[in-house]
N, C-alpha and C. Protein backbone atom coordinates (compact mmCIF):
# COMPACT_ATOMS: atom_id res chain seq x y z
N MET A 1 222.50 255.24 -246.38
CA MET A 1 222.14 255.40 -245.11
C MET A 1 221.62 253.96 -244.44
N ALA A 2 220.84 253.29 -245.22
CA ALA A 2 220.33 252.05 -244.74
C ALA A 2 221.47 250.97 -244.29
N GLU A 3 222.64 251.19 -245.11
CA GLU A 3 223.72 250.10 -244.78
C GLU A 3 224.37 250.68 -243.37
N GLU A 4 224.39 251.93 -243.11
CA GLU A 4 224.89 252.53 -241.85
C GLU A 4 223.96 251.89 -240.58
N THR A 5 222.74 251.96 -240.67
CA THR A 5 221.90 251.57 -239.67
C THR A 5 221.95 249.98 -239.44
N LYS A 6 222.27 249.24 -240.41
CA LYS A 6 222.47 247.92 -240.35
C LYS A 6 223.69 247.66 -239.59
N LYS A 7 224.74 248.50 -239.89
CA LYS A 7 226.02 248.17 -239.04
C LYS A 7 225.95 248.43 -237.60
N LYS A 8 225.04 249.56 -237.38
CA LYS A 8 225.04 250.11 -236.05
C LYS A 8 224.25 249.09 -235.11
N ALA A 9 223.31 248.45 -235.64
CA ALA A 9 222.44 247.48 -234.85
C ALA A 9 223.21 246.40 -234.31
N PRO A 10 224.10 245.64 -235.02
CA PRO A 10 224.86 244.56 -234.52
C PRO A 10 225.86 245.12 -233.40
N ALA A 11 226.46 246.37 -233.64
CA ALA A 11 227.29 246.80 -232.69
C ALA A 11 226.69 247.02 -231.17
N LYS A 12 225.32 247.37 -231.20
CA LYS A 12 224.74 247.61 -230.04
C LYS A 12 224.60 246.24 -229.13
N LYS A 13 224.26 245.29 -229.84
CA LYS A 13 224.07 243.91 -229.26
C LYS A 13 225.28 243.21 -228.85
N ALA A 14 226.51 243.65 -229.24
CA ALA A 14 227.78 243.02 -228.89
C ALA A 14 228.14 243.31 -227.50
N PRO A 15 227.97 244.54 -226.96
CA PRO A 15 228.28 244.75 -225.57
C PRO A 15 227.50 243.92 -224.63
N ALA A 16 226.13 243.59 -224.96
CA ALA A 16 225.36 242.82 -224.20
C ALA A 16 226.02 241.26 -224.01
N LYS A 17 226.49 240.81 -224.95
CA LYS A 17 227.04 239.40 -225.12
C LYS A 17 228.26 239.58 -224.29
N LYS A 18 229.03 240.50 -224.24
CA LYS A 18 230.24 240.63 -223.44
C LYS A 18 229.90 240.58 -222.02
N ALA A 19 228.89 241.23 -221.57
CA ALA A 19 228.40 241.30 -220.20
C ALA A 19 227.92 239.94 -219.71
N GLU A 20 227.26 239.18 -220.62
CA GLU A 20 226.82 237.81 -220.29
C GLU A 20 228.25 236.91 -220.11
N ALA A 21 229.24 237.17 -220.96
CA ALA A 21 230.42 236.34 -220.77
C ALA A 21 231.07 236.63 -219.43
N LYS A 22 231.03 237.75 -218.94
CA LYS A 22 231.57 238.15 -217.75
C LYS A 22 231.00 237.63 -216.49
N ALA A 23 229.84 237.14 -216.60
CA ALA A 23 229.03 236.71 -215.35
C ALA A 23 229.72 235.25 -214.91
N PRO A 24 230.05 235.22 -213.71
CA PRO A 24 230.62 233.98 -213.19
C PRO A 24 229.94 232.72 -213.20
N ALA A 25 230.44 231.70 -213.74
CA ALA A 25 229.69 230.39 -213.83
C ALA A 25 229.46 229.86 -212.48
N LYS A 26 228.52 228.95 -212.29
CA LYS A 26 228.20 228.26 -211.21
C LYS A 26 229.05 227.11 -211.02
N LYS A 27 229.70 226.95 -209.79
CA LYS A 27 230.52 225.75 -209.51
C LYS A 27 229.75 224.59 -209.05
N ALA A 28 230.07 223.49 -209.50
CA ALA A 28 229.43 222.25 -209.06
C ALA A 28 230.00 221.79 -207.57
N ALA A 29 229.07 221.32 -206.78
CA ALA A 29 229.55 220.88 -205.54
C ALA A 29 230.59 219.61 -205.63
N PRO A 30 231.56 219.62 -204.74
CA PRO A 30 232.54 218.47 -204.86
C PRO A 30 231.83 217.17 -204.49
N LYS A 31 232.27 216.06 -205.22
CA LYS A 31 231.51 214.74 -205.00
C LYS A 31 231.72 214.17 -203.80
N LYS A 32 233.01 214.52 -203.10
CA LYS A 32 233.45 213.94 -201.93
C LYS A 32 232.21 214.00 -200.86
N THR A 33 231.71 215.29 -200.73
CA THR A 33 230.83 215.70 -199.52
C THR A 33 229.50 215.05 -199.89
N GLU A 34 229.21 214.85 -201.28
CA GLU A 34 227.92 214.12 -201.58
C GLU A 34 228.01 212.67 -201.17
N ALA A 35 229.23 211.99 -201.37
CA ALA A 35 229.26 210.58 -201.01
C ALA A 35 229.30 210.45 -199.45
N LYS A 36 229.93 211.28 -198.72
CA LYS A 36 229.77 211.30 -197.17
C LYS A 36 228.46 211.29 -196.81
N ALA A 37 227.64 212.25 -197.26
CA ALA A 37 226.20 212.46 -196.86
C ALA A 37 225.46 211.19 -197.11
N ALA A 38 225.61 210.54 -198.34
CA ALA A 38 224.92 209.30 -198.71
C ALA A 38 225.18 208.26 -197.91
N SER A 39 226.38 208.01 -197.52
CA SER A 39 226.82 207.08 -196.78
C SER A 39 226.42 206.82 -195.30
N LYS A 40 226.11 208.00 -194.74
CA LYS A 40 225.55 207.99 -193.28
C LYS A 40 224.06 207.82 -193.30
N PRO A 41 223.72 206.85 -192.43
CA PRO A 41 222.28 206.81 -192.21
C PRO A 41 221.58 207.85 -191.54
N ALA A 42 220.21 208.24 -191.82
CA ALA A 42 219.61 209.20 -191.21
C ALA A 42 219.44 208.87 -189.59
N ALA A 43 219.68 209.76 -188.83
CA ALA A 43 219.57 209.60 -187.46
C ALA A 43 218.16 209.85 -186.94
N LYS A 44 217.52 209.11 -186.19
CA LYS A 44 216.24 209.04 -185.81
C LYS A 44 216.07 209.68 -184.54
N LYS A 45 215.17 210.73 -184.30
CA LYS A 45 215.15 211.41 -182.99
C LYS A 45 213.94 210.66 -182.20
N ALA A 46 214.02 210.62 -181.01
CA ALA A 46 212.98 210.01 -180.19
C ALA A 46 211.82 211.10 -180.17
N PRO A 47 210.63 210.53 -180.17
CA PRO A 47 209.41 211.44 -180.17
C PRO A 47 209.31 212.14 -178.93
N ALA A 48 208.94 213.52 -179.10
CA ALA A 48 208.80 214.28 -177.85
C ALA A 48 207.50 213.87 -177.01
N LYS A 49 207.88 213.89 -175.73
CA LYS A 49 206.76 213.47 -174.75
C LYS A 49 205.73 214.72 -174.66
N LYS A 50 204.60 214.22 -174.53
CA LYS A 50 203.54 215.37 -174.39
C LYS A 50 203.50 215.87 -173.01
N ALA A 51 203.23 217.13 -172.87
CA ALA A 51 203.21 217.57 -171.49
C ALA A 51 201.93 217.18 -170.63
N THR A 52 202.25 216.77 -169.47
CA THR A 52 201.26 216.25 -168.62
C THR A 52 200.27 217.40 -167.96
N THR A 53 200.63 218.61 -168.18
CA THR A 53 200.09 219.67 -167.57
C THR A 53 198.81 220.18 -168.25
N ALA A 54 198.11 219.42 -168.99
CA ALA A 54 196.81 219.70 -169.71
C ALA A 54 195.76 220.06 -168.79
N LYS A 55 194.98 221.03 -169.21
CA LYS A 55 193.96 221.49 -168.32
C LYS A 55 192.86 220.26 -168.25
N LYS A 56 192.26 220.08 -167.03
CA LYS A 56 191.23 219.08 -166.94
C LYS A 56 189.85 219.94 -167.20
N PRO A 57 188.91 219.16 -167.62
CA PRO A 57 187.61 219.69 -167.71
C PRO A 57 187.02 220.18 -166.55
N SER A 58 186.61 221.40 -166.59
CA SER A 58 185.96 222.09 -165.30
C SER A 58 184.63 221.53 -164.97
N GLY A 59 183.97 220.79 -165.88
CA GLY A 59 182.72 220.41 -165.53
C GLY A 59 181.61 221.22 -165.93
N LYS A 60 181.79 222.52 -166.26
CA LYS A 60 180.77 223.43 -166.55
C LYS A 60 180.68 223.37 -168.15
N THR A 61 179.49 223.50 -168.48
CA THR A 61 179.16 223.42 -170.12
C THR A 61 178.17 224.56 -170.42
N VAL A 62 178.06 224.80 -171.64
CA VAL A 62 177.23 225.85 -172.35
C VAL A 62 176.41 225.07 -173.39
N THR A 63 175.20 225.31 -173.48
CA THR A 63 174.40 224.79 -174.64
C THR A 63 174.02 226.02 -175.62
N VAL A 64 174.51 225.84 -176.76
CA VAL A 64 174.38 226.94 -177.74
C VAL A 64 173.49 226.30 -178.80
N THR A 65 172.41 227.22 -179.25
CA THR A 65 171.52 226.91 -180.25
C THR A 65 171.68 227.97 -181.31
N GLN A 66 171.72 227.65 -182.67
CA GLN A 66 171.80 228.64 -183.65
C GLN A 66 170.39 229.01 -184.09
N THR A 67 170.15 230.45 -183.91
CA THR A 67 168.80 230.96 -184.07
C THR A 67 168.72 231.75 -185.49
N GLY A 68 170.03 232.29 -185.93
CA GLY A 68 169.92 233.21 -187.13
C GLY A 68 170.69 232.62 -188.26
N SER A 69 170.52 232.97 -189.33
CA SER A 69 171.12 232.45 -190.67
C SER A 69 172.47 233.05 -190.92
N PRO A 70 173.41 232.45 -191.32
CA PRO A 70 174.62 233.19 -191.56
C PRO A 70 174.74 233.65 -192.97
N ILE A 71 173.61 233.52 -193.75
CA ILE A 71 173.54 234.16 -195.27
C ILE A 71 173.55 235.63 -195.01
N GLY A 72 174.44 236.26 -195.79
CA GLY A 72 174.59 237.65 -195.94
C GLY A 72 175.46 238.28 -194.59
N ARG A 73 176.04 237.48 -193.93
CA ARG A 73 176.89 237.59 -192.81
C ARG A 73 178.39 237.77 -193.23
N GLN A 74 179.24 238.36 -192.54
CA GLN A 74 180.67 238.52 -192.93
C GLN A 74 181.35 237.02 -192.66
N ALA A 75 182.37 236.88 -193.34
CA ALA A 75 183.01 235.62 -193.42
C ALA A 75 183.45 234.98 -192.10
N TYR A 76 183.91 235.94 -191.15
CA TYR A 76 184.21 235.50 -189.79
C TYR A 76 183.20 234.96 -188.96
N GLN A 77 182.06 235.60 -189.21
CA GLN A 77 180.77 235.07 -188.47
C GLN A 77 180.44 233.75 -188.89
N ARG A 78 180.47 233.40 -190.17
CA ARG A 78 180.17 232.16 -190.70
C ARG A 78 181.24 231.00 -190.13
N GLN A 79 182.42 231.50 -190.23
CA GLN A 79 183.57 230.40 -189.64
C GLN A 79 183.31 230.31 -188.02
N THR A 80 182.90 231.32 -187.51
CA THR A 80 182.96 231.31 -186.01
C THR A 80 181.71 230.20 -185.69
N LEU A 81 180.58 230.23 -186.41
CA LEU A 81 179.57 229.27 -186.34
C LEU A 81 179.89 227.84 -186.53
N ILE A 82 180.69 227.77 -187.59
CA ILE A 82 181.30 226.37 -187.92
C ILE A 82 182.18 225.84 -186.78
N GLY A 83 183.01 226.89 -186.23
CA GLY A 83 183.95 226.53 -185.13
C GLY A 83 183.13 226.03 -183.88
N LEU A 84 182.02 226.64 -183.74
CA LEU A 84 181.08 226.12 -182.57
C LEU A 84 180.44 224.78 -182.93
N GLY A 85 180.60 224.50 -184.05
CA GLY A 85 179.75 223.19 -184.54
C GLY A 85 178.43 223.50 -184.95
N LEU A 86 178.08 224.59 -185.43
CA LEU A 86 176.78 224.92 -185.73
C LEU A 86 176.86 225.51 -187.30
N ASN A 87 176.01 224.91 -188.09
CA ASN A 87 175.90 225.41 -189.50
C ASN A 87 174.46 225.44 -190.00
N LYS A 88 173.40 225.05 -189.33
CA LYS A 88 172.14 225.10 -189.87
C LYS A 88 171.12 225.51 -188.63
N LEU A 89 169.98 226.24 -189.01
CA LEU A 89 169.25 226.75 -188.10
C LEU A 89 168.70 225.66 -187.08
N HIS A 90 168.63 226.06 -185.74
CA HIS A 90 167.99 225.26 -184.70
C HIS A 90 168.90 223.96 -184.38
N ARG A 91 170.15 223.94 -184.68
CA ARG A 91 171.02 222.92 -184.37
C ARG A 91 171.73 223.44 -183.01
N THR A 92 171.83 222.47 -182.03
CA THR A 92 172.32 222.67 -180.82
C THR A 92 173.57 222.00 -180.35
N ARG A 93 174.44 222.63 -179.56
CA ARG A 93 175.62 221.89 -179.24
C ARG A 93 175.84 222.18 -177.78
N THR A 94 176.42 221.23 -177.02
CA THR A 94 176.75 221.39 -175.77
C THR A 94 178.22 221.58 -175.72
N LEU A 95 178.82 222.59 -175.26
CA LEU A 95 180.23 222.70 -175.28
C LEU A 95 180.74 223.20 -173.87
N GLU A 96 182.12 222.86 -173.63
CA GLU A 96 182.66 223.21 -172.39
C GLU A 96 182.70 224.66 -172.32
N ASP A 97 182.53 225.07 -171.08
CA ASP A 97 182.47 226.65 -170.84
C ASP A 97 183.93 227.13 -170.61
N THR A 98 184.56 227.54 -171.60
CA THR A 98 185.89 228.10 -171.70
C THR A 98 185.97 229.57 -172.15
N PRO A 99 186.93 230.28 -171.82
CA PRO A 99 187.01 231.62 -172.29
C PRO A 99 187.01 231.71 -173.86
N ALA A 100 187.69 230.64 -174.49
CA ALA A 100 187.71 230.71 -175.93
C ALA A 100 186.25 230.59 -176.53
N VAL A 101 185.52 229.45 -175.92
CA VAL A 101 184.12 229.22 -176.49
C VAL A 101 183.24 230.57 -176.04
N ARG A 102 183.45 231.19 -175.02
CA ARG A 102 182.76 232.31 -174.78
C ARG A 102 182.92 233.54 -175.77
N GLY A 103 184.24 233.62 -176.00
CA GLY A 103 184.66 234.60 -177.11
C GLY A 103 183.95 234.44 -178.33
N MET A 104 183.94 233.21 -178.71
CA MET A 104 183.26 232.86 -179.90
C MET A 104 181.81 233.05 -179.97
N ILE A 105 181.18 232.72 -178.77
CA ILE A 105 179.82 232.95 -178.59
C ILE A 105 179.55 234.54 -178.72
N ASN A 106 180.27 235.40 -178.03
CA ASN A 106 180.24 236.88 -178.09
C ASN A 106 180.27 237.35 -179.40
N LYS A 107 181.12 236.83 -180.34
CA LYS A 107 181.20 237.21 -181.79
C LYS A 107 179.85 237.02 -182.58
N VAL A 108 179.21 236.02 -182.14
CA VAL A 108 178.07 235.64 -182.90
C VAL A 108 176.75 235.65 -182.09
N SER A 109 176.88 236.50 -181.01
CA SER A 109 175.64 236.47 -180.00
C SER A 109 174.31 236.75 -180.60
N HIS A 110 174.24 237.59 -181.73
CA HIS A 110 173.12 237.86 -182.46
C HIS A 110 172.55 236.76 -183.19
N LEU A 111 173.35 235.60 -183.49
CA LEU A 111 172.92 234.37 -184.13
C LEU A 111 172.64 233.24 -183.38
N VAL A 112 172.97 233.45 -182.07
CA VAL A 112 172.75 232.03 -181.21
C VAL A 112 172.02 232.38 -179.98
N LYS A 113 171.49 231.25 -179.37
CA LYS A 113 170.84 231.32 -178.02
C LYS A 113 171.71 230.57 -177.05
N VAL A 114 172.02 231.04 -175.96
CA VAL A 114 172.88 230.42 -175.01
C VAL A 114 172.25 230.11 -173.73
N GLU A 115 172.47 228.85 -173.22
CA GLU A 115 171.88 228.46 -172.13
C GLU A 115 173.08 227.87 -171.10
N ASP A 116 173.26 228.28 -169.92
CA ASP A 116 174.12 227.97 -168.99
C ASP A 116 173.71 226.68 -168.39
N SER A 117 174.49 225.62 -168.29
CA SER A 117 174.20 224.56 -167.51
C SER A 117 175.50 223.93 -166.90
N ALA A 118 175.58 223.20 -165.70
CA ALA A 118 176.51 222.62 -165.04
C ALA A 118 176.35 221.00 -165.07
N ALA A 119 177.27 220.39 -165.51
CA ALA A 119 177.25 219.04 -165.72
C ALA A 119 177.44 218.21 -164.38
């Protein structure tokens, strides 16, 4: 019986080898296209011009002072303080009064003190 099992084991492996042989081989790219691509120099594009419609500073500013610690706070609150330029207690930054800055201040309003000022 041991001889019969030895004969059956190689028979099971043989179909797997046939399936591997049927797989299509990868074809190499023609050498002519490689030579053409290598012979042409790379074309340089002109740098894109920056838009001249950038917003001008409105002149309004906001002074933000950090009064609360970011220890034990959620990660987005710590990152918002860093985005405002604050990372230690009692640090003060004067920022332009924009909707983006106001939104950041609203996210961490419990950690900062805000003073409106016009420049």
